[in-house]
Amino acid sequence: AFPRADLALVFPDGEPSECDALAMALSQNRRRDMAAG
């Protein structure tokens, strides 16, 4: 008797998902991450 909810997992624009080149993103973006802390 309760309505259906369609769900989707989303990421901020340009960010890799868990399985999408995360290792490369972590390695290449250390300088950016360092600036953000």
Full PDB file with SEQRES, HELIX, SHEET, SSBOND, CRYST1, ORIGX, SCALE, CONECT and MASTER records, all heavy atoms in Angstrom:
SEQRES   1 A   37  ALA PHE PRO ARG ALA ASP LEU ALA LEU VAL PHE PRO ASP          
SEQRES   2 A   37  GLY GLU PRO SER GLU CYS ASP ALA LEU ALA MET ALA LEU          
SEQRES   3 A   37  SER GLN ASN ARG ARG ARG ASP MET ALA ALA GLY                  
HELIX    1 AA1 LEU A   22  GLN A   28  1                                   7    
HELIX    2 AA2 ARG A   30  ALA A   36  1                                   7    
CRYST1    1.000    1.000    1.000  90.00  90.00  90.00 P 1           1          
ORIGX1      1.000000  0.000000  0.000000        0.00000                         
ORIGX2      0.000000  1.000000  0.000000        0.00000                         
ORIGX3      0.000000  0.000000  1.000000        0.00000                         
SCALE1      1.000000  0.000000  0.000000        0.00000                         
SCALE2      0.000000  1.000000  0.000000        0.00000                         
SCALE3      0.000000  0.000000  1.000000        0.00000                         
ATOM      1  N   ALA A   1       0.823  -1.205   0.000  1.00  0.00           N  
ATOM      2  CA  ALA A   1       0.000   0.000   0.000  1.00  0.00           C  
ATOM      3  C   ALA A   1       0.857   1.255   0.000  1.00  0.00           C  
ATOM      4  O   ALA A   1       0.321   2.365  -0.054  1.00  0.00           O  
ATOM      5  CB  ALA A   1      -0.909  -0.004   1.228  1.00  0.00           C  
ATOM      6  N   PHE A   2       2.170   1.074   0.013  1.00  0.00           N  
ATOM      7  CA  PHE A   2       3.073   2.216   0.086  1.00  0.00           C  
ATOM      8  C   PHE A   2       3.769   2.432  -1.256  1.00  0.00           C  
ATOM      9  O   PHE A   2       4.039   1.482  -1.995  1.00  0.00           O  
ATOM     10  CB  PHE A   2       4.099   1.997   1.211  1.00  0.00           C  
ATOM     11  CG  PHE A   2       3.449   1.906   2.554  1.00  0.00           C  
ATOM     12  CD1 PHE A   2       3.086   0.688   3.090  1.00  0.00           C  
ATOM     13  CD2 PHE A   2       3.158   3.053   3.268  1.00  0.00           C  
ATOM     14  CE1 PHE A   2       2.457   0.592   4.316  1.00  0.00           C  
ATOM     15  CE2 PHE A   2       2.532   2.979   4.502  1.00  0.00           C  
ATOM     16  CZ  PHE A   2       2.179   1.752   5.030  1.00  0.00           C  
ATOM     17  N   PRO A   3       4.078   3.688  -1.602  1.00  0.00           N  
ATOM     18  CA  PRO A   3       4.582   4.007  -2.940  1.00  0.00           C  
ATOM     19  C   PRO A   3       5.993   3.496  -3.183  1.00  0.00           C  
ATOM     20  O   PRO A   3       6.805   3.396  -2.264  1.00  0.00           O  
ATOM     21  CB  PRO A   3       4.554   5.533  -2.971  1.00  0.00           C  
ATOM     22  CG  PRO A   3       4.668   5.945  -1.535  1.00  0.00           C  
ATOM     23  CD  PRO A   3       3.924   4.891  -0.759  1.00  0.00           C  
ATOM     24  N   ARG A   4       6.261   3.194  -4.435  1.00  0.00           N  
ATOM     25  CA  ARG A   4       7.579   2.725  -4.840  1.00  0.00           C  
ATOM     26  C   ARG A   4       8.562   3.896  -4.909  1.00  0.00           C  
ATOM     27  O   ARG A   4       8.226   4.988  -5.383  1.00  0.00           O  
ATOM     28  CB  ARG A   4       7.505   2.045  -6.208  1.00  0.00           C  
ATOM     29  CG  ARG A   4       8.849   1.599  -6.752  1.00  0.00           C  
ATOM     30  CD  ARG A   4       8.747   1.168  -8.210  1.00  0.00           C  
ATOM     31  NE  ARG A   4      10.070   0.927  -8.771  1.00  0.00           N  
ATOM     32  CZ  ARG A   4      10.603  -0.272  -8.907  1.00  0.00           C  
ATOM     33  NH1 ARG A   4       9.932  -1.342  -8.548  1.00  0.00           N  
ATOM     34  NH2 ARG A   4      11.812  -0.413  -9.415  1.00  0.00           N  
ATOM     35  N   ALA A   5       9.784   3.647  -4.457  1.00  0.00           N  
ATOM     36  CA  ALA A   5      10.866   4.624  -4.558  1.00  0.00           C  
ATOM     37  C   ALA A   5      11.948   4.056  -5.472  1.00  0.00           C  
ATOM     38  O   ALA A   5      12.472   2.977  -5.209  1.00  0.00           O  
ATOM     39  CB  ALA A   5      11.447   4.927  -3.182  1.00  0.00           C  
ATOM     40  N   ASP A   6      12.248   4.750  -6.553  1.00  0.00           N  
ATOM     41  CA  ASP A   6      13.349   4.356  -7.426  1.00  0.00           C  
ATOM     42  C   ASP A   6      14.637   4.978  -6.880  1.00  0.00           C  
ATOM     43  O   ASP A   6      14.709   6.193  -6.665  1.00  0.00           O  
ATOM     44  CB  ASP A   6      13.108   4.831  -8.857  1.00  0.00           C  
ATOM     45  CG  ASP A   6      11.988   4.046  -9.533  1.00  0.00           C  
ATOM     46  OD1 ASP A   6      11.741   2.899  -9.112  1.00  0.00           O  
ATOM     47  OD2 ASP A   6      11.363   4.588 -10.457  1.00  0.00           O  
ATOM     48  N   LEU A   7      15.653   4.144  -6.668  1.00  0.00           N  
ATOM     49  CA  LEU A   7      16.898   4.589  -6.040  1.00  0.00           C  
ATOM     50  C   LEU A   7      18.051   4.565  -7.026  1.00  0.00           C  
ATOM     51  O   LEU A   7      18.107   3.717  -7.915  1.00  0.00           O  
ATOM     52  CB  LEU A   7      17.234   3.681  -4.850  1.00  0.00           C  
ATOM     53  CG  LEU A   7      16.194   3.571  -3.743  1.00  0.00           C  
ATOM     54  CD1 LEU A   7      16.656   2.584  -2.673  1.00  0.00           C  
ATOM     55  CD2 LEU A   7      15.900   4.936  -3.128  1.00  0.00           C  
ATOM     56  N   ALA A   8      18.971   5.493  -6.844  1.00  0.00           N  
ATOM     57  CA  ALA A   8      20.185   5.523  -7.663  1.00  0.00           C  
ATOM     58  C   ALA A   8      21.320   6.107  -6.831  1.00  0.00           C  
ATOM     59  O   ALA A   8      21.113   7.051  -6.058  1.00  0.00           O  
ATOM     60  CB  ALA A   8      19.979   6.349  -8.925  1.00  0.00           C  
ATOM     61  N   LEU A   9      22.514   5.551  -6.997  1.00  0.00           N  
ATOM     62  CA  LEU A   9      23.701   6.056  -6.317  1.00  0.00           C  
ATOM     63  C   LEU A   9      24.420   6.996  -7.269  1.00  0.00           C  
ATOM     64  O   LEU A   9      24.717   6.636  -8.405  1.00  0.00           O  
ATOM     65  CB  LEU A   9      24.620   4.894  -5.929  1.00  0.00           C  
ATOM     66  CG  LEU A   9      25.705   5.183  -4.886  1.00  0.00           C  
ATOM     67  CD1 LEU A   9      25.091   5.560  -3.553  1.00  0.00           C  
ATOM     68  CD2 LEU A   9      26.612   3.976  -4.720  1.00  0.00           C  
ATOM     69  N   VAL A  10      24.690   8.201  -6.813  1.00  0.00           N  
ATOM     70  CA  VAL A  10      25.314   9.215  -7.673  1.00  0.00           C  
ATOM     71  C   VAL A  10      26.550   9.780  -6.985  1.00  0.00           C  
ATOM     72  O   VAL A  10      26.688   9.735  -5.766  1.00  0.00           O  
ATOM     73  CB  VAL A  10      24.328  10.355  -8.006  1.00  0.00           C  
ATOM     74  CG1 VAL A  10      23.134   9.817  -8.790  1.00  0.00           C  
ATOM     75  CG2 VAL A  10      23.857  11.059  -6.739  1.00  0.00           C  
ATOM     76  N   PHE A  11      27.453  10.329  -7.822  1.00  0.00           N  
ATOM     77  CA  PHE A  11      28.686  10.946  -7.328  1.00  0.00           C  
ATOM     78  C   PHE A  11      28.775  12.363  -7.858  1.00  0.00           C  
ATOM     79  O   PHE A  11      28.201  12.669  -8.909  1.00  0.00           O  
ATOM     80  CB  PHE A  11      29.908  10.149  -7.799  1.00  0.00           C  
ATOM     81  CG  PHE A  11      30.066   8.818  -7.131  1.00  0.00           C  
ATOM     82  CD1 PHE A  11      29.326   7.726  -7.544  1.00  0.00           C  
ATOM     83  CD2 PHE A  11      30.947   8.662  -6.072  1.00  0.00           C  
ATOM     84  CE1 PHE A  11      29.452   6.497  -6.930  1.00  0.00           C  
ATOM     85  CE2 PHE A  11      31.084   7.436  -5.441  1.00  0.00           C  
ATOM     86  CZ  PHE A  11      30.332   6.349  -5.871  1.00  0.00           C  
ATOM     87  N   PRO A  12      29.503  13.246  -7.152  1.00  0.00           N  
ATOM     88  CA  PRO A  12      29.711  14.600  -7.685  1.00  0.00           C  
ATOM     89  C   PRO A  12      30.316  14.545  -9.088  1.00  0.00           C  
ATOM     90  O   PRO A  12      31.045  13.612  -9.425  1.00  0.00           O  
ATOM     91  CB  PRO A  12      30.681  15.226  -6.679  1.00  0.00           C  
ATOM     92  CG  PRO A  12      30.460  14.462  -5.408  1.00  0.00           C  
ATOM     93  CD  PRO A  12      30.131  13.064  -5.829  1.00  0.00           C  
ATOM     94  N   ASP A  13      29.995  15.518  -9.888  1.00  0.00           N  
ATOM     95  CA  ASP A  13      30.468  15.541 -11.275  1.00  0.00           C  
ATOM     96  C   ASP A  13      31.975  15.371 -11.361  1.00  0.00           C  
ATOM     97  O   ASP A  13      32.737  16.033 -10.652  1.00  0.00           O  
ATOM     98  CB  ASP A  13      30.078  16.866 -11.952  1.00  0.00           C  
ATOM     99  CG  ASP A  13      28.585  16.975 -12.191  1.00  0.00           C  
ATOM    100  OD1 ASP A  13      27.924  15.924 -12.161  1.00  0.00           O  
ATOM    101  OD2 ASP A  13      28.100  18.098 -12.392  1.00  0.00           O  
ATOM    102  N   GLY A  14      32.386  14.467 -12.230  1.00  0.00           N  
ATOM    103  CA  GLY A  14      33.801  14.288 -12.493  1.00  0.00           C  
ATOM    104  C   GLY A  14      34.520  13.375 -11.537  1.00  0.00           C  
ATOM    105  O   GLY A  14      35.700  13.091 -11.721  1.00  0.00           O  
ATOM    106  N   GLU A  15      33.836  12.901 -10.506  1.00  0.00           N  
ATOM    107  CA  GLU A  15      34.497  12.004  -9.564  1.00  0.00           C  
ATOM    108  C   GLU A  15      34.300  10.554  -9.973  1.00  0.00           C  
ATOM    109  O   GLU A  15      33.220  10.170 -10.413  1.00  0.00           O  
ATOM    110  CB  GLU A  15      33.943  12.206  -8.147  1.00  0.00           C  
ATOM    111  CG  GLU A  15      34.393  13.507  -7.520  1.00  0.00           C  
ATOM    112  CD  GLU A  15      34.091  13.536  -6.037  1.00  0.00           C  
ATOM    113  OE1 GLU A  15      33.888  12.452  -5.456  1.00  0.00           O  
ATOM    114  OE2 GLU A  15      34.064  14.641  -5.478  1.00  0.00           O  
ATOM    115  N   PRO A  16      35.322   9.724  -9.820  1.00  0.00           N  
ATOM    116  CA  PRO A  16      35.165   8.304 -10.152  1.00  0.00           C  
ATOM    117  C   PRO A  16      34.316   7.602  -9.112  1.00  0.00           C  
ATOM    118  O   PRO A  16      34.316   7.980  -7.944  1.00  0.00           O  
ATOM    119  CB  PRO A  16      36.600   7.774 -10.119  1.00  0.00           C  
ATOM    120  CG  PRO A  16      37.299   8.673  -9.147  1.00  0.00           C  
ATOM    121  CD  PRO A  16      36.677  10.044  -9.353  1.00  0.00           C  
ATOM    122  N   SER A  17      33.584   6.597  -9.545  1.00  0.00           N  
ATOM    123  CA  SER A  17      32.837   5.769  -8.608  1.00  0.00           C  
ATOM    124  C   SER A  17      33.807   4.784  -7.971  1.00  0.00           C  
ATOM    125  O   SER A  17      35.002   4.770  -8.270  1.00  0.00           O  
ATOM    126  CB  SER A  17      31.728   5.014  -9.339  1.00  0.00           C  
ATOM    127  OG  SER A  17      32.300   4.056 -10.209  1.00  0.00           O  
ATOM    128  N   GLU A  18      33.288   3.900  -7.093  1.00  0.00           N  
ATOM    129  CA  GLU A  18      34.152   2.950  -6.393  1.00  0.00           C  
ATOM    130  C   GLU A  18      34.983   2.111  -7.349  1.00  0.00           C  
ATOM    131  O   GLU A  18      36.115   1.761  -7.045  1.00  0.00           O  
ATOM    132  CB  GLU A  18      33.308   2.012  -5.517  1.00  0.00           C  
ATOM    133  CG  GLU A  18      32.602   2.707  -4.362  1.00  0.00           C  
ATOM    134  CD  GLU A  18      31.188   3.075  -4.736  1.00  0.00           C  
ATOM    135  OE1 GLU A  18      30.900   3.228  -5.938  1.00  0.00           O  
ATOM    136  OE2 GLU A  18      30.360   3.212  -3.834  1.00  0.00           O  
ATOM    137  N   CYS A  19      34.425   1.786  -8.503  1.00  0.00           N  
ATOM    138  CA  CYS A  19      35.084   0.859  -9.426  1.00  0.00           C  
ATOM    139  C   CYS A  19      35.627   1.566 -10.655  1.00  0.00           C  
ATOM    140  O   CYS A  19      36.034   0.924 -11.621  1.00  0.00           O  
ATOM    141  CB  CYS A  19      34.099  -0.241  -9.844  1.00  0.00           C  
ATOM    142  SG  CYS A  19      33.479  -1.201  -8.447  1.00  0.00           S  
ATOM    143  N   ASP A  20      35.646   2.882 -10.647  1.00  0.00           N  
ATOM    144  CA  ASP A  20      36.041   3.633 -11.838  1.00  0.00           C  
ATOM    145  C   ASP A  20      37.322   4.416 -11.575  1.00  0.00           C  
ATOM    146  O   ASP A  20      37.297   5.597 -11.232  1.00  0.00           O  
ATOM    147  CB  ASP A  20      34.910   4.577 -12.262  1.00  0.00           C  
ATOM    148  CG  ASP A  20      35.236   5.340 -13.545  1.00  0.00           C  
ATOM    149  OD1 ASP A  20      36.180   4.950 -14.248  1.00  0.00           O  
ATOM    150  OD2 ASP A  20      34.536   6.327 -13.815  1.00  0.00           O  
ATOM    151  N   ALA A  21      38.448   3.741 -11.736  1.00  0.00           N  
ATOM    152  CA  ALA A  21      39.766   4.379 -11.673  1.00  0.00           C  
ATOM    153  C   ALA A  21      40.014   5.114 -10.361  1.00  0.00           C  
ATOM    154  O   ALA A  21      40.660   6.166 -10.352  1.00  0.00           O  
ATOM    155  CB  ALA A  21      39.940   5.335 -12.857  1.00  0.00           C  
ATOM    156  N   LEU A  22      39.529   4.572  -9.259  1.00  0.00           N  
ATOM    157  CA  LEU A  22      39.749   5.239  -7.983  1.00  0.00           C  
ATOM    158  C   LEU A  22      41.227   5.272  -7.624  1.00  0.00           C  
ATOM    159  O   LEU A  22      41.737   6.285  -7.116  1.00  0.00           O  
ATOM    160  CB  LEU A  22      38.952   4.547  -6.874  1.00  0.00           C  
ATOM    161  CG  LEU A  22      39.114   5.134  -5.465  1.00  0.00           C  
ATOM    162  CD1 LEU A  22      38.726   6.602  -5.432  1.00  0.00           C  
ATOM    163  CD2 LEU A  22      38.290   4.330  -4.458  1.00  0.00           C  
ATOM    164  N   ALA A  23      41.943   4.187  -7.887  1.00  0.00           N  
ATOM    165  CA  ALA A  23      43.370   4.150  -7.565  1.00  0.00           C  
ATOM    166  C   ALA A  23      44.115   5.267  -8.271  1.00  0.00           C  
ATOM    167  O   ALA A  23      44.952   5.958  -7.675  1.00  0.00           O  
ATOM    168  CB  ALA A  23      43.954   2.795  -7.958  1.00  0.00           C  
ATOM    169  N   MET A  24      43.806   5.469  -9.552  1.00  0.00           N  
ATOM    170  CA  MET A  24      44.470   6.538 -10.307  1.00  0.00           C  
ATOM    171  C   MET A  24      44.082   7.905  -9.765  1.00  0.00           C  
ATOM    172  O   MET A  24      44.922   8.806  -9.642  1.00  0.00           O  
ATOM    173  CB  MET A  24      44.112   6.434 -11.791  1.00  0.00           C  
ATOM    174  CG  MET A  24      44.830   7.444 -12.674  1.00  0.00           C  
ATOM    175  SD  MET A  24      44.460   7.197 -14.436  1.00  0.00           S  
ATOM    176  CE  MET A  24      45.209   5.574 -14.695  1.00  0.00           C  
ATOM    177  N   ALA A  25      42.808   8.075  -9.427  1.00  0.00           N  
ATOM    178  CA  ALA A  25      42.355   9.364  -8.920  1.00  0.00           C  
ATOM    179  C   ALA A  25      43.041   9.706  -7.606  1.00  0.00           C  
ATOM    180  O   ALA A  25      43.465  10.848  -7.395  1.00  0.00           O  
ATOM    181  CB  ALA A  25      40.840   9.336  -8.730  1.00  0.00           C  
ATOM    182  N   LEU A  26      43.186   8.718  -6.715  1.00  0.00           N  
ATOM    183  CA  LEU A  26      43.848   8.980  -5.438  1.00  0.00           C  
ATOM    184  C   LEU A  26      45.305   9.363  -5.651  1.00  0.00           C  
ATOM    185  O   LEU A  26      45.829  10.271  -5.004  1.00  0.00           O  
ATOM    186  CB  LEU A  26      43.736   7.749  -4.536  1.00  0.00           C  
ATOM    187  CG  LEU A  26      42.344   7.403  -4.021  1.00  0.00           C  
ATOM    188  CD1 LEU A  26      42.366   6.065  -3.283  1.00  0.00           C  
ATOM    189  CD2 LEU A  26      41.803   8.500  -3.100  1.00  0.00           C  
ATOM    190  N   SER A  27      45.966   8.651  -6.555  1.00  0.00           N  
ATOM    191  CA  SER A  27      47.378   8.911  -6.806  1.00  0.00           C  
ATOM    192  C   SER A  27      47.609  10.262  -7.471  1.00  0.00           C  
ATOM    193  O   SER A  27      48.500  11.018  -7.077  1.00  0.00           O  
ATOM    194  CB  SER A  27      47.953   7.788  -7.683  1.00  0.00           C  
ATOM    195  OG  SER A  27      49.298   8.045  -8.003  1.00  0.00           O  
ATOM    196  N   GLN A  28      46.793  10.569  -8.468  1.00  0.00           N  
ATOM    197  CA  GLN A  28      47.017  11.777  -9.258  1.00  0.00           C  
ATOM    198  C   GLN A  28      46.542  13.050  -8.558  1.00  0.00           C  
ATOM    199  O   GLN A  28      47.007  14.147  -8.897  1.00  0.00           O  
ATOM    200  CB  GLN A  28      46.325  11.647 -10.609  1.00  0.00           C  
ATOM    201  CG  GLN A  28      46.949  10.599 -11.518  1.00  0.00           C  
ATOM    202  CD  GLN A  28      46.273  10.513 -12.876  1.00  0.00           C  
ATOM    203  OE1 GLN A  28      45.187  11.062 -13.080  1.00  0.00           O  
ATOM    204  NE2 GLN A  28      46.923   9.822 -13.805  1.00  0.00           N  
ATOM    205  N   ASN A  29      45.632  12.903  -7.608  1.00  0.00           N  
ATOM    206  CA  ASN A  29      45.015  14.093  -7.005  1.00  0.00           C  
ATOM    207  C   ASN A  29      45.500  14.378  -5.597  1.00  0.00           C  
ATOM    208  O   ASN A  29      44.826  15.062  -4.839  1.00  0.00           O  
ATOM    209  CB  ASN A  29      43.490  13.933  -6.996  1.00  0.00           C  
ATOM    210  CG  ASN A  29      42.901  13.931  -8.385  1.00  0.00           C  
ATOM    211  OD1 ASN A  29      43.425  14.566  -9.299  1.00  0.00           O  
ATOM    212  ND2 ASN A  29      41.798  13.210  -8.556  1.00  0.00           N  
ATOM    213  N   ARG A  30      46.672  13.866  -5.247  1.00  0.00           N  
ATOM    214  CA  ARG A  30      47.162  14.112  -3.886  1.00  0.00           C  
ATOM    215  C   ARG A  30      47.394  15.598  -3.627  1.00  0.00           C  
ATOM    216  O   ARG A  30      47.110  16.092  -2.532  1.00  0.00           O  
ATOM    217  CB  ARG A  30      48.462  13.339  -3.645  1.00  0.00           C  
ATOM    218  CG  ARG A  30      48.245  11.832  -3.517  1.00  0.00           C  
ATOM    219  CD  ARG A  30      49.561  11.087  -3.462  1.00  0.00           C  
ATOM    220  NE  ARG A  30      49.347   9.642  -3.613  1.00  0.00           N  
ATOM    221  CZ  ARG A  30      50.259   8.812  -4.091  1.00  0.00           C  
ATOM    222  NH1 ARG A  30      51.466   9.276  -4.438  1.00  0.00           N  
ATOM    223  NH2 ARG A  30      49.991   7.524  -4.214  1.00  0.00           N  
ATOM    224  N   ARG A  31      47.899  16.319  -4.621  1.00  0.00           N  
ATOM    225  CA  ARG A  31      48.151  17.749  -4.425  1.00  0.00           C  
ATOM    226  C   ARG A  31      46.837  18.496  -4.164  1.00  0.00           C  
ATOM    227  O   ARG A  31      46.752  19.334  -3.273  1.00  0.00           O  
ATOM    228  CB  ARG A  31      48.858  18.327  -5.652  1.00  0.00           C  
ATOM    229  CG  ARG A  31      49.309  19.790  -5.469  1.00  0.00           C  
ATOM    230  CD  ARG A  31      50.048  20.269  -6.708  1.00  0.00           C  
ATOM    231  NE  ARG A  31      51.250  19.487  -6.947  1.00  0.00           N  
ATOM    232  CZ  ARG A  31      52.425  19.740  -6.376  1.00  0.00           C  
ATOM    233  NH1 ARG A  31      52.543  20.756  -5.529  1.00  0.00           N  
ATOM    234  NH2 ARG A  31      53.470  18.999  -6.646  1.00  0.00           N  
ATOM    235  N   ARG A  32      45.804  18.155  -4.965  1.00  0.00           N  
ATOM    236  CA  ARG A  32      44.499  18.787  -4.754  1.00  0.00           C  
ATOM    237  C   ARG A  32      43.939  18.420  -3.385  1.00  0.00           C  
ATOM    238  O   ARG A  32      43.418  19.267  -2.645  1.00  0.00           O  
ATOM    239  CB  ARG A  32      43.528  18.333  -5.849  1.00  0.00           C  
ATOM    240  CG  ARG A  32      42.130  18.931  -5.742  1.00  0.00           C  
ATOM    241  CD  ARG A  32      41.122  18.147  -6.567  1.00  0.00           C  
ATOM    242  NE  ARG A  32      40.935  16.791  -6.060  1.00  0.00           N  
ATOM    243  CZ  ARG A  32      40.003  15.957  -6.513  1.00  0.00           C  
ATOM    244  NH1 ARG A  32      39.212  16.329  -7.502  1.00  0.00           N  
ATOM    245  NH2 ARG A  32      39.893  14.746  -5.997  1.00  0.00           N  
ATOM    246  N   ASP A  33      44.028  17.145  -3.021  1.00  0.00           N  
ATOM    247  CA  ASP A  33      43.519  16.691  -1.726  1.00  0.00           C  
ATOM    248  C   ASP A  33      44.295  17.336  -0.579  1.00  0.00           C  
ATOM    249  O   ASP A  33      43.733  17.649   0.479  1.00  0.00           O  
ATOM    250  CB  ASP A  33      43.615  15.169  -1.625  1.00  0.00           C  
ATOM    251  CG  ASP A  33      42.642  14.459  -2.560  1.00  0.00           C  
ATOM    252  OD1 ASP A  33      41.841  15.152  -3.216  1.00  0.00           O  
ATOM    253  OD2 ASP A  33      42.702  13.214  -2.642  1.00  0.00           O  
ATOM    254  N   MET A  34      45.611  17.549  -0.802  1.00  0.00           N  
ATOM    255  CA  MET A  34      46.436  18.174   0.229  1.00  0.00           C  
ATOM    256  C   MET A  34      45.974  19.602   0.485  1.00  0.00           C  
ATOM    257  O   MET A  34      45.914  20.068   1.628  1.00  0.00           O  
ATOM    258  CB  MET A  34      47.908  18.143  -0.190  1.00  0.00           C  
ATOM    259  CG  MET A  34      48.891  18.414   0.937  1.00  0.00           C  
ATOM    260  SD  MET A  34      50.602  18.197   0.397  1.00  0.00           S  
ATOM    261  CE  MET A  34      50.646  16.412   0.096  1.00  0.00           C  
ATOM    262  N   ALA A  35      45.600  20.302  -0.587  1.00  0.00           N  
ATOM    263  CA  ALA A  35      45.110  21.673  -0.439  1.00  0.00           C  
ATOM    264  C   ALA A  35      43.784  21.694   0.317  1.00  0.00           C  
ATOM    265  O   ALA A  35      43.511  22.606   1.103  1.00  0.00           O  
ATOM    266  CB  ALA A  35      44.951  22.321  -1.809  1.00  0.00           C  
ATOM    267  N   ALA A  36      42.965  20.674   0.087  1.00  0.00           N  
ATOM    268  CA  ALA A  36      41.670  20.605   0.759  1.00  0.00           C  
ATOM    269  C   ALA A  36      41.788  20.026   2.169  1.00  0.00           C  
ATOM    270  O   ALA A  36      40.904  20.237   3.005  1.00  0.00           O  
ATOM    271  CB  ALA A  36      40.706  19.750  -0.059  1.00  0.00           C  
ATOM    272  N   GLY A  37      42.870  19.274   2.415  1.00  0.00           N  
ATOM    273  CA  GLY A  37      43.054  18.647   3.716  1.00  0.00           C  
ATOM    274  C   GLY A  37      42.221  17.399   3.910  1.00  0.00           C  
ATOM    275  O   GLY A  37      42.076  16.915   5.040  1.00  0.00           O  
TER     276      GLY A  37                                                      
MASTER        0    0    0    2    0    0    0    6  275    1    0    3          
END                                                                             
